[in-house]
N, C-alpha and C. Protein backbone atom coordinates (compact mmCIF):
# COMPACT_ATOMS: atom_id res chain seq x y z
N MET A 1 19.98 28.56 -31.41
CA MET A 1 19.62 27.67 -30.31
C MET A 1 20.78 27.63 -29.31
N GLU A 2 20.46 27.79 -28.04
CA GLU A 2 21.47 27.81 -27.00
C GLU A 2 21.99 26.40 -26.74
N PRO A 3 23.31 26.23 -26.57
CA PRO A 3 23.86 24.90 -26.31
C PRO A 3 23.37 24.36 -24.96
N THR A 4 23.20 23.04 -24.88
CA THR A 4 22.76 22.39 -23.66
C THR A 4 23.94 22.28 -22.71
N LEU A 5 23.72 22.57 -21.45
CA LEU A 5 24.76 22.47 -20.44
C LEU A 5 24.77 21.06 -19.85
N THR A 6 25.95 20.59 -19.50
CA THR A 6 26.04 19.29 -18.84
C THR A 6 25.59 19.46 -17.39
N LYS A 7 25.34 18.32 -16.74
CA LYS A 7 24.91 18.36 -15.35
C LYS A 7 25.94 19.07 -14.47
N SER A 8 27.22 18.76 -14.67
CA SER A 8 28.24 19.41 -13.84
C SER A 8 28.31 20.91 -14.11
N GLN A 9 28.07 21.34 -15.36
CA GLN A 9 28.04 22.77 -15.66
C GLN A 9 26.87 23.45 -14.95
N LEU A 10 25.73 22.77 -14.91
CA LEU A 10 24.57 23.33 -14.22
C LEU A 10 24.87 23.51 -12.73
N ILE A 11 25.50 22.51 -12.14
CA ILE A 11 25.83 22.59 -10.72
C ILE A 11 26.82 23.72 -10.47
N ARG A 12 27.83 23.83 -11.34
CA ARG A 12 28.81 24.90 -11.18
C ARG A 12 28.15 26.27 -11.30
N GLN A 13 27.11 26.37 -12.12
CA GLN A 13 26.43 27.65 -12.27
C GLN A 13 25.46 27.92 -11.14
N GLY A 14 25.34 26.97 -10.23
CA GLY A 14 24.51 27.18 -9.06
C GLY A 14 23.03 26.88 -9.27
N GLU A 15 22.67 26.30 -10.40
CA GLU A 15 21.26 25.96 -10.61
C GLU A 15 20.93 24.70 -9.81
N ARG A 16 19.90 24.82 -9.01
CA ARG A 16 19.48 23.66 -8.23
C ARG A 16 18.86 22.61 -9.13
N SER A 17 19.07 21.36 -8.75
CA SER A 17 18.39 20.28 -9.45
C SER A 17 18.02 19.22 -8.43
N ILE A 18 17.01 18.44 -8.77
CA ILE A 18 16.60 17.33 -7.92
C ILE A 18 16.77 16.05 -8.71
N ASN A 19 16.97 14.96 -7.99
CA ASN A 19 17.13 13.65 -8.60
C ASN A 19 15.86 12.85 -8.38
N ILE A 20 15.29 12.39 -9.47
CA ILE A 20 14.06 11.59 -9.42
C ILE A 20 14.34 10.24 -10.08
N ILE A 21 13.88 9.18 -9.42
CA ILE A 21 13.95 7.83 -9.98
C ILE A 21 12.53 7.38 -10.27
N LEU A 22 12.26 7.07 -11.52
CA LEU A 22 10.98 6.46 -11.89
C LEU A 22 11.18 4.96 -11.81
N LEU A 23 10.46 4.31 -10.92
CA LEU A 23 10.73 2.92 -10.58
C LEU A 23 9.60 2.00 -11.00
N ASP A 24 9.97 0.93 -11.69
CA ASP A 24 9.06 -0.14 -12.03
C ASP A 24 9.13 -1.19 -10.91
N ILE A 25 8.21 -2.13 -10.88
CA ILE A 25 8.27 -3.21 -9.89
C ILE A 25 8.65 -4.53 -10.55
N ASP A 26 7.80 -5.03 -11.47
CA ASP A 26 8.08 -6.32 -12.11
C ASP A 26 9.39 -6.24 -12.89
N GLY A 27 10.31 -7.16 -12.61
CA GLY A 27 11.59 -7.18 -13.30
C GLY A 27 12.60 -6.20 -12.74
N VAL A 28 12.22 -5.43 -11.71
CA VAL A 28 13.13 -4.48 -11.07
C VAL A 28 13.23 -4.79 -9.57
N LEU A 29 12.11 -4.74 -8.87
CA LEU A 29 12.08 -5.13 -7.46
C LEU A 29 11.62 -6.58 -7.28
N LEU A 30 11.05 -7.11 -8.33
CA LEU A 30 10.49 -8.46 -8.28
C LEU A 30 10.99 -9.21 -9.52
N PRO A 31 12.01 -10.09 -9.33
CA PRO A 31 12.52 -10.84 -10.49
C PRO A 31 11.41 -11.68 -11.12
N ASP A 32 11.52 -11.91 -12.43
CA ASP A 32 10.50 -12.68 -13.14
C ASP A 32 10.21 -14.03 -12.47
N ALA A 33 11.24 -14.66 -11.94
CA ALA A 33 11.06 -15.97 -11.30
C ALA A 33 10.15 -15.88 -10.08
N ASP A 34 10.06 -14.69 -9.48
CA ASP A 34 9.25 -14.51 -8.27
C ASP A 34 7.90 -13.87 -8.55
N LEU A 35 7.57 -13.67 -9.82
CA LEU A 35 6.31 -12.98 -10.14
C LEU A 35 5.13 -13.74 -9.58
N TYR A 36 4.19 -12.98 -9.10
CA TYR A 36 2.97 -13.52 -8.53
C TYR A 36 1.86 -13.39 -9.54
N GLN A 37 0.92 -14.33 -9.47
CA GLN A 37 -0.29 -14.20 -10.27
C GLN A 37 -1.28 -13.38 -9.47
N PRO A 38 -1.62 -12.18 -9.96
CA PRO A 38 -2.56 -11.36 -9.20
C PRO A 38 -3.93 -12.02 -9.09
N PRO A 39 -4.66 -11.70 -8.05
CA PRO A 39 -6.00 -12.27 -7.86
C PRO A 39 -6.96 -11.84 -8.97
N SER A 40 -7.94 -12.65 -9.20
CA SER A 40 -8.92 -12.33 -10.24
C SER A 40 -10.13 -11.60 -9.68
N ARG A 41 -10.36 -11.69 -8.38
CA ARG A 41 -11.51 -11.02 -7.77
C ARG A 41 -11.07 -9.75 -7.06
N ASP A 42 -11.81 -8.69 -7.20
CA ASP A 42 -11.47 -7.40 -6.59
C ASP A 42 -11.23 -7.51 -5.09
N GLU A 43 -12.04 -8.31 -4.39
CA GLU A 43 -11.92 -8.36 -2.93
C GLU A 43 -10.64 -9.06 -2.48
N ASP A 44 -9.94 -9.77 -3.38
CA ASP A 44 -8.71 -10.47 -3.02
C ASP A 44 -7.45 -9.62 -3.20
N TRP A 45 -7.57 -8.44 -3.82
CA TRP A 45 -6.40 -7.61 -4.08
C TRP A 45 -5.73 -7.16 -2.79
N HIS A 46 -6.52 -6.76 -1.80
CA HIS A 46 -5.96 -6.29 -0.53
C HIS A 46 -5.16 -7.41 0.14
N LEU A 47 -5.72 -8.61 0.15
CA LEU A 47 -5.05 -9.77 0.74
C LEU A 47 -3.74 -10.07 0.00
N PHE A 48 -3.76 -9.96 -1.31
CA PHE A 48 -2.55 -10.18 -2.12
C PHE A 48 -1.43 -9.24 -1.69
N LEU A 49 -1.73 -7.97 -1.52
CA LEU A 49 -0.71 -7.00 -1.12
C LEU A 49 -0.21 -7.25 0.30
N ASP A 50 -1.05 -7.87 1.13
CA ASP A 50 -0.62 -8.18 2.49
C ASP A 50 0.41 -9.31 2.52
N THR A 51 0.51 -10.09 1.45
CA THR A 51 1.41 -11.24 1.44
C THR A 51 2.57 -11.10 0.47
N VAL A 52 2.49 -10.20 -0.51
CA VAL A 52 3.55 -10.08 -1.50
C VAL A 52 4.84 -9.56 -0.84
N SER A 53 5.97 -10.07 -1.32
CA SER A 53 7.25 -9.61 -0.81
C SER A 53 8.17 -9.35 -2.00
N PHE A 54 8.74 -8.15 -2.03
CA PHE A 54 9.67 -7.80 -3.10
C PHE A 54 11.07 -8.25 -2.71
N ASN A 55 11.94 -8.40 -3.68
CA ASN A 55 13.30 -8.88 -3.45
C ASN A 55 14.06 -7.89 -2.57
N GLN A 56 14.47 -8.35 -1.40
CA GLN A 56 15.11 -7.45 -0.43
C GLN A 56 16.49 -6.99 -0.87
N SER A 57 17.21 -7.78 -1.66
CA SER A 57 18.50 -7.33 -2.20
C SER A 57 18.29 -6.15 -3.15
N CYS A 58 17.23 -6.25 -3.94
CA CYS A 58 16.92 -5.16 -4.88
C CYS A 58 16.49 -3.90 -4.14
N THR A 59 15.64 -4.05 -3.13
CA THR A 59 15.21 -2.87 -2.38
C THR A 59 16.38 -2.25 -1.63
N LYS A 60 17.31 -3.08 -1.16
CA LYS A 60 18.50 -2.55 -0.48
C LYS A 60 19.34 -1.73 -1.46
N ARG A 61 19.49 -2.20 -2.69
CA ARG A 61 20.25 -1.45 -3.70
C ARG A 61 19.57 -0.13 -4.04
N ILE A 62 18.25 -0.16 -4.15
CA ILE A 62 17.50 1.08 -4.42
C ILE A 62 17.68 2.05 -3.26
N ASN A 63 17.61 1.55 -2.02
CA ASN A 63 17.85 2.40 -0.85
C ASN A 63 19.24 3.03 -0.91
N THR A 64 20.24 2.23 -1.25
CA THR A 64 21.61 2.75 -1.35
C THR A 64 21.68 3.85 -2.39
N LEU A 65 21.08 3.62 -3.54
CA LEU A 65 21.06 4.61 -4.61
C LEU A 65 20.43 5.92 -4.13
N CYS A 66 19.32 5.82 -3.45
CA CYS A 66 18.63 7.02 -2.95
C CYS A 66 19.45 7.74 -1.88
N GLU A 67 20.05 6.98 -0.98
CA GLU A 67 20.84 7.59 0.08
C GLU A 67 22.03 8.36 -0.48
N VAL A 68 22.73 7.75 -1.44
CA VAL A 68 23.94 8.35 -1.98
C VAL A 68 23.64 9.55 -2.86
N THR A 69 22.52 9.50 -3.59
CA THR A 69 22.21 10.55 -4.57
C THR A 69 21.15 11.54 -4.10
N GLN A 70 20.55 11.28 -2.95
CA GLN A 70 19.45 12.10 -2.43
C GLN A 70 18.25 12.08 -3.39
N ALA A 71 18.12 11.00 -4.16
CA ALA A 71 17.03 10.86 -5.13
C ALA A 71 15.73 10.48 -4.42
N LYS A 72 14.63 10.86 -5.04
CA LYS A 72 13.30 10.48 -4.58
C LYS A 72 12.67 9.57 -5.63
N ILE A 73 11.90 8.60 -5.16
CA ILE A 73 11.29 7.59 -6.03
C ILE A 73 9.86 7.98 -6.36
N MET A 74 9.52 7.80 -7.63
CA MET A 74 8.13 7.88 -8.08
C MET A 74 7.85 6.57 -8.82
N LEU A 75 6.73 5.95 -8.53
CA LEU A 75 6.40 4.65 -9.08
C LEU A 75 5.83 4.79 -10.48
N ILE A 76 6.44 4.08 -11.44
CA ILE A 76 5.96 4.08 -12.83
C ILE A 76 5.31 2.72 -13.17
N SER A 77 5.33 1.81 -12.24
CA SER A 77 4.87 0.44 -12.46
C SER A 77 3.37 0.37 -12.78
N SER A 78 3.02 -0.64 -13.56
CA SER A 78 1.60 -0.89 -13.84
C SER A 78 0.85 -1.30 -12.57
N TRP A 79 1.58 -1.62 -11.52
CA TRP A 79 0.93 -1.94 -10.24
C TRP A 79 0.09 -0.76 -9.76
N ARG A 80 0.42 0.46 -10.18
CA ARG A 80 -0.40 1.62 -9.80
C ARG A 80 -1.82 1.45 -10.30
N LYS A 81 -1.98 0.84 -11.47
CA LYS A 81 -3.32 0.67 -12.03
C LYS A 81 -4.04 -0.47 -11.31
N TYR A 82 -3.32 -1.59 -11.09
CA TYR A 82 -3.94 -2.74 -10.43
C TYR A 82 -4.35 -2.41 -9.00
N PHE A 83 -3.54 -1.58 -8.34
CA PHE A 83 -3.76 -1.31 -6.92
C PHE A 83 -4.11 0.14 -6.65
N SER A 84 -4.78 0.79 -7.59
CA SER A 84 -5.09 2.21 -7.43
C SER A 84 -5.96 2.46 -6.19
N LYS A 85 -6.79 1.50 -5.82
CA LYS A 85 -7.64 1.68 -4.64
C LYS A 85 -6.94 1.25 -3.35
N GLN A 86 -5.79 0.60 -3.48
CA GLN A 86 -5.04 0.12 -2.31
C GLN A 86 -3.66 0.77 -2.24
N ARG A 87 -3.59 2.04 -2.56
CA ARG A 87 -2.32 2.77 -2.58
C ARG A 87 -1.59 2.64 -1.24
N GLY A 88 -2.30 2.78 -0.14
CA GLY A 88 -1.68 2.68 1.18
C GLY A 88 -1.14 1.28 1.46
N THR A 89 -1.87 0.27 1.01
CA THR A 89 -1.43 -1.10 1.21
C THR A 89 -0.21 -1.41 0.34
N LEU A 90 -0.17 -0.87 -0.87
CA LEU A 90 1.00 -1.02 -1.73
C LEU A 90 2.21 -0.34 -1.07
N PHE A 91 2.00 0.85 -0.52
CA PHE A 91 3.05 1.56 0.20
C PHE A 91 3.60 0.67 1.32
N LYS A 92 2.71 0.06 2.11
CA LYS A 92 3.13 -0.81 3.21
C LYS A 92 3.90 -2.03 2.71
N ALA A 93 3.48 -2.60 1.56
CA ALA A 93 4.17 -3.75 1.00
C ALA A 93 5.59 -3.38 0.58
N LEU A 94 5.76 -2.19 -0.01
CA LEU A 94 7.10 -1.73 -0.41
C LEU A 94 7.99 -1.55 0.83
N VAL A 95 7.43 -0.93 1.85
CA VAL A 95 8.20 -0.68 3.09
C VAL A 95 8.50 -2.00 3.80
N ARG A 96 7.52 -2.90 3.86
CA ARG A 96 7.72 -4.20 4.50
C ARG A 96 8.84 -4.98 3.83
N SER A 97 9.03 -4.77 2.53
CA SER A 97 10.08 -5.46 1.78
C SER A 97 11.43 -4.75 1.88
N GLY A 98 11.48 -3.69 2.65
CA GLY A 98 12.77 -3.05 2.91
C GLY A 98 12.98 -1.69 2.27
N LEU A 99 12.05 -1.22 1.45
CA LEU A 99 12.22 0.09 0.84
C LEU A 99 12.00 1.17 1.91
N ASP A 100 12.95 2.07 2.03
CA ASP A 100 12.86 3.14 3.03
C ASP A 100 11.82 4.15 2.57
N SER A 101 10.78 4.34 3.38
CA SER A 101 9.68 5.23 2.99
C SER A 101 10.13 6.67 2.77
N SER A 102 11.23 7.07 3.40
CA SER A 102 11.70 8.44 3.22
C SER A 102 12.25 8.68 1.82
N HIS A 103 12.48 7.60 1.07
CA HIS A 103 12.98 7.74 -0.30
C HIS A 103 11.86 7.94 -1.32
N LEU A 104 10.63 7.78 -0.88
CA LEU A 104 9.50 7.98 -1.79
C LEU A 104 9.18 9.47 -1.88
N HIS A 105 9.02 9.95 -3.09
CA HIS A 105 8.63 11.33 -3.33
C HIS A 105 7.24 11.54 -2.73
N LYS A 106 6.94 12.74 -2.30
CA LYS A 106 5.61 12.99 -1.72
C LYS A 106 4.50 12.67 -2.73
N ASP A 107 4.78 12.77 -4.01
CA ASP A 107 3.84 12.39 -5.07
C ASP A 107 4.30 11.09 -5.72
N TRP A 108 4.63 10.08 -4.91
CA TRP A 108 5.24 8.84 -5.40
C TRP A 108 4.35 8.04 -6.34
N PHE A 109 3.06 8.23 -6.28
CA PHE A 109 2.10 7.47 -7.08
C PHE A 109 1.79 8.30 -8.33
N ILE A 110 2.56 8.09 -9.39
CA ILE A 110 2.47 8.91 -10.60
C ILE A 110 1.05 8.85 -11.20
N PRO A 111 0.52 9.99 -11.64
CA PRO A 111 -0.80 9.99 -12.27
C PRO A 111 -0.83 9.06 -13.49
N PHE A 112 -1.98 8.48 -13.74
CA PHE A 112 -2.13 7.63 -14.91
C PHE A 112 -3.57 7.72 -15.40
N ARG A 113 -3.72 7.28 -16.62
CA ARG A 113 -5.06 7.06 -17.17
C ARG A 113 -5.09 5.60 -17.57
N TYR A 114 -6.21 4.97 -17.42
CA TYR A 114 -6.27 3.53 -17.69
C TYR A 114 -5.89 3.18 -19.12
N THR A 115 -6.01 4.11 -20.03
CA THR A 115 -5.67 3.84 -21.42
C THR A 115 -4.26 4.32 -21.78
N SER A 116 -3.53 4.88 -20.83
CA SER A 116 -2.22 5.46 -21.15
C SER A 116 -1.13 4.40 -21.15
N GLU A 117 -0.08 4.69 -21.90
CA GLU A 117 1.11 3.86 -21.94
C GLU A 117 2.16 4.49 -21.03
N LYS A 118 3.17 3.71 -20.64
CA LYS A 118 4.19 4.23 -19.72
C LYS A 118 4.88 5.49 -20.22
N PRO A 119 5.29 5.58 -21.49
CA PRO A 119 5.93 6.83 -21.92
C PRO A 119 5.05 8.05 -21.68
N ASP A 120 3.74 7.91 -21.91
CA ASP A 120 2.82 9.02 -21.64
C ASP A 120 2.83 9.38 -20.16
N GLU A 121 2.91 8.36 -19.31
CA GLU A 121 2.85 8.58 -17.87
C GLU A 121 4.09 9.31 -17.36
N VAL A 122 5.22 9.13 -18.05
CA VAL A 122 6.42 9.90 -17.69
C VAL A 122 6.11 11.38 -17.84
N PHE A 123 5.44 11.73 -18.93
CA PHE A 123 5.10 13.13 -19.16
C PHE A 123 4.03 13.61 -18.18
N PHE A 124 3.08 12.75 -17.78
CA PHE A 124 2.11 13.12 -16.76
C PHE A 124 2.84 13.47 -15.46
N MET A 125 3.87 12.67 -15.13
CA MET A 125 4.63 12.91 -13.91
C MET A 125 5.32 14.26 -13.98
N ILE A 126 5.94 14.56 -15.12
CA ILE A 126 6.65 15.83 -15.26
C ILE A 126 5.67 16.99 -15.16
N GLU A 127 4.51 16.84 -15.78
CA GLU A 127 3.51 17.90 -15.70
C GLU A 127 3.02 18.08 -14.26
N ALA A 128 2.90 17.00 -13.52
CA ALA A 128 2.50 17.09 -12.11
C ALA A 128 3.58 17.82 -11.31
N LEU A 129 4.84 17.52 -11.59
CA LEU A 129 5.94 18.22 -10.91
C LEU A 129 5.92 19.71 -11.26
N GLU A 130 5.61 20.01 -12.52
CA GLU A 130 5.62 21.41 -12.96
C GLU A 130 4.53 22.24 -12.29
N SER A 131 3.49 21.57 -11.76
CA SER A 131 2.43 22.32 -11.11
C SER A 131 2.93 22.93 -9.79
N ASN A 132 4.05 22.42 -9.29
CA ASN A 132 4.72 23.00 -8.13
C ASN A 132 6.01 23.62 -8.65
N PRO A 133 6.49 24.69 -8.05
CA PRO A 133 7.77 25.22 -8.50
C PRO A 133 8.86 24.18 -8.24
N VAL A 134 9.53 23.73 -9.29
CA VAL A 134 10.57 22.72 -9.12
C VAL A 134 11.81 23.15 -9.87
N PRO A 135 12.95 22.78 -9.31
CA PRO A 135 14.18 23.04 -10.04
C PRO A 135 14.31 22.05 -11.20
N ARG A 136 15.40 22.11 -11.87
CA ARG A 136 15.66 21.15 -12.96
C ARG A 136 15.73 19.74 -12.38
N VAL A 137 15.34 18.76 -13.18
CA VAL A 137 15.25 17.38 -12.72
C VAL A 137 16.27 16.52 -13.44
N ASN A 138 17.02 15.73 -12.67
CA ASN A 138 17.83 14.64 -13.21
C ASN A 138 16.96 13.41 -13.08
N LEU A 139 16.54 12.86 -14.21
CA LEU A 139 15.51 11.82 -14.24
C LEU A 139 16.12 10.48 -14.66
N LEU A 140 16.03 9.50 -13.76
CA LEU A 140 16.50 8.15 -14.05
C LEU A 140 15.32 7.20 -14.03
N LEU A 141 15.09 6.54 -15.14
CA LEU A 141 14.02 5.55 -15.26
C LEU A 141 14.64 4.17 -15.08
N ILE A 142 14.09 3.39 -14.16
CA ILE A 142 14.55 2.01 -13.96
C ILE A 142 13.36 1.11 -14.25
N ASP A 143 13.41 0.47 -15.40
CA ASP A 143 12.29 -0.34 -15.89
C ASP A 143 12.85 -1.44 -16.78
N ASP A 144 12.36 -2.66 -16.62
CA ASP A 144 12.86 -3.76 -17.46
C ASP A 144 12.33 -3.68 -18.89
N GLN A 145 11.42 -2.77 -19.15
CA GLN A 145 10.89 -2.54 -20.49
C GLN A 145 11.50 -1.24 -21.02
N ASP A 146 12.15 -1.30 -22.19
CA ASP A 146 12.75 -0.10 -22.76
C ASP A 146 11.65 0.80 -23.28
N LEU A 147 11.57 2.01 -22.73
CA LEU A 147 10.50 2.93 -23.12
C LEU A 147 10.88 3.80 -24.32
N LEU A 148 12.10 3.65 -24.80
CA LEU A 148 12.54 4.32 -26.03
C LEU A 148 12.36 5.84 -25.97
N LEU A 149 12.68 6.40 -24.82
CA LEU A 149 12.65 7.85 -24.67
C LEU A 149 14.08 8.37 -24.75
N SER A 150 14.23 9.61 -25.15
CA SER A 150 15.55 10.24 -25.17
C SER A 150 15.44 11.61 -24.53
N LEU A 151 16.56 12.22 -24.23
CA LEU A 151 16.54 13.54 -23.62
C LEU A 151 15.80 14.53 -24.52
N ASP A 152 15.88 14.35 -25.83
CA ASP A 152 15.16 15.22 -26.77
C ASP A 152 13.65 15.18 -26.53
N SER A 153 13.14 14.05 -26.02
CA SER A 153 11.71 13.91 -25.75
C SER A 153 11.23 14.92 -24.71
N PHE A 154 12.18 15.41 -23.88
CA PHE A 154 11.83 16.27 -22.75
C PHE A 154 12.16 17.73 -23.02
N GLU A 155 12.34 18.07 -24.27
CA GLU A 155 12.79 19.40 -24.68
C GLU A 155 12.04 20.55 -23.99
N LYS A 156 10.72 20.41 -23.84
CA LYS A 156 9.95 21.52 -23.27
C LYS A 156 9.77 21.42 -21.75
N TYR A 157 10.41 20.43 -21.13
CA TYR A 157 10.27 20.22 -19.70
C TYR A 157 11.58 20.55 -18.98
N PRO A 158 11.52 20.75 -17.66
CA PRO A 158 12.74 21.13 -16.92
C PRO A 158 13.61 19.91 -16.56
N ILE A 159 13.98 19.14 -17.58
CA ILE A 159 14.80 17.96 -17.35
C ILE A 159 16.25 18.31 -17.68
N ALA A 160 17.11 18.21 -16.67
CA ALA A 160 18.53 18.51 -16.86
C ALA A 160 19.24 17.33 -17.50
N SER A 161 18.87 16.11 -17.08
CA SER A 161 19.48 14.91 -17.65
C SER A 161 18.50 13.75 -17.51
N TYR A 162 18.66 12.77 -18.41
CA TYR A 162 17.76 11.63 -18.43
C TYR A 162 18.52 10.39 -18.87
N ALA A 163 18.20 9.26 -18.26
CA ALA A 163 18.72 7.97 -18.70
C ALA A 163 17.74 6.90 -18.27
N GLN A 164 17.83 5.75 -18.93
CA GLN A 164 17.05 4.60 -18.51
C GLN A 164 18.00 3.44 -18.26
N ILE A 165 17.79 2.76 -17.17
CA ILE A 165 18.48 1.51 -16.88
C ILE A 165 17.44 0.42 -17.04
N THR A 166 17.80 -0.59 -17.81
CA THR A 166 16.87 -1.68 -18.12
C THR A 166 17.43 -2.98 -17.54
N PRO A 167 17.06 -3.30 -16.28
CA PRO A 167 17.58 -4.52 -15.66
C PRO A 167 17.14 -5.77 -16.41
N ASP A 168 17.94 -6.81 -16.29
CA ASP A 168 17.55 -8.14 -16.77
C ASP A 168 16.43 -8.59 -15.84
N ALA A 169 15.26 -8.84 -16.38
CA ALA A 169 14.08 -9.15 -15.57
C ALA A 169 14.26 -10.40 -14.71
N GLU A 170 15.14 -11.31 -15.13
CA GLU A 170 15.39 -12.52 -14.34
C GLU A 170 16.14 -12.19 -13.05
N GLN A 171 17.04 -11.20 -13.13
CA GLN A 171 17.85 -10.84 -11.96
C GLN A 171 17.27 -9.66 -11.19
N ALA A 172 16.48 -8.84 -11.87
CA ALA A 172 15.96 -7.59 -11.33
C ALA A 172 17.11 -6.61 -11.13
N PHE A 173 16.97 -5.66 -10.22
CA PHE A 173 17.95 -4.57 -10.06
C PHE A 173 19.22 -5.12 -9.41
N SER A 174 20.27 -5.26 -10.22
CA SER A 174 21.51 -5.92 -9.81
C SER A 174 22.57 -4.91 -9.36
N GLU A 175 23.70 -5.43 -8.88
CA GLU A 175 24.85 -4.57 -8.52
C GLU A 175 25.33 -3.80 -9.74
N THR A 176 25.33 -4.44 -10.90
CA THR A 176 25.73 -3.76 -12.14
C THR A 176 24.79 -2.60 -12.44
N ASP A 177 23.49 -2.83 -12.27
CA ASP A 177 22.51 -1.76 -12.48
C ASP A 177 22.72 -0.62 -11.50
N LEU A 178 23.03 -0.96 -10.25
CA LEU A 178 23.30 0.07 -9.24
C LEU A 178 24.49 0.92 -9.67
N GLN A 179 25.55 0.28 -10.16
CA GLN A 179 26.73 1.04 -10.58
C GLN A 179 26.40 1.96 -11.76
N LEU A 180 25.60 1.46 -12.71
CA LEU A 180 25.17 2.30 -13.84
C LEU A 180 24.39 3.52 -13.35
N ALA A 181 23.52 3.29 -12.36
CA ALA A 181 22.73 4.40 -11.81
C ALA A 181 23.62 5.41 -11.11
N LEU A 182 24.57 4.93 -10.34
CA LEU A 182 25.50 5.85 -9.66
C LEU A 182 26.32 6.64 -10.67
N ASP A 183 26.71 5.98 -11.76
CA ASP A 183 27.45 6.67 -12.82
C ASP A 183 26.59 7.78 -13.43
N PHE A 184 25.31 7.51 -13.65
CA PHE A 184 24.42 8.53 -14.21
C PHE A 184 24.40 9.77 -13.32
N PHE A 185 24.36 9.56 -12.01
CA PHE A 185 24.31 10.68 -11.07
C PHE A 185 25.71 11.21 -10.73
N ASP A 186 26.71 10.80 -11.49
CA ASP A 186 28.11 11.24 -11.30
C ASP A 186 28.66 10.89 -9.93
N ILE A 187 28.29 9.73 -9.41
CA ILE A 187 28.81 9.25 -8.13
C ILE A 187 29.82 8.15 -8.41
N LYS A 188 31.01 8.33 -7.91
CA LYS A 188 32.07 7.34 -8.14
C LYS A 188 32.29 6.51 -6.90
């Protein structure tokens, strides 16, 4: 078995890689104290997205992370399921709350199945990326729920490195979390 190369070794060897952030919403962009009760009627979902506001300090930190690392965001949040028919309105709500739209990956809305769990959806995302020629991926998951994945889980996929940051859901994505993310991407 060939030894695994570190991220810096891959870069030195000239292999291109991209940085992807899998981003949750509840407990990451929206502290638990600010959680909203979603509407119970289908026709009220659009109105809900027109009024929801994510924590602007958290979105600013995510923007900083993306700017410094050139990372692209893909949404792993269960909000994709709740708002699958209002994808554009969810996009507008994220941008209205300060998230820079240029940081969203062109396939920012990760595929899902209504019966799938988040760890499965990570693999759906990787398979979707593989359908296009892609370089190796440095994958950072930011989710307040520990998905218990390891780099070994991605053995057959083009993942150069993987980590999960699990923010305290009460604070959401904090300065400490930002520093951990920058450390993952080797940014000092």
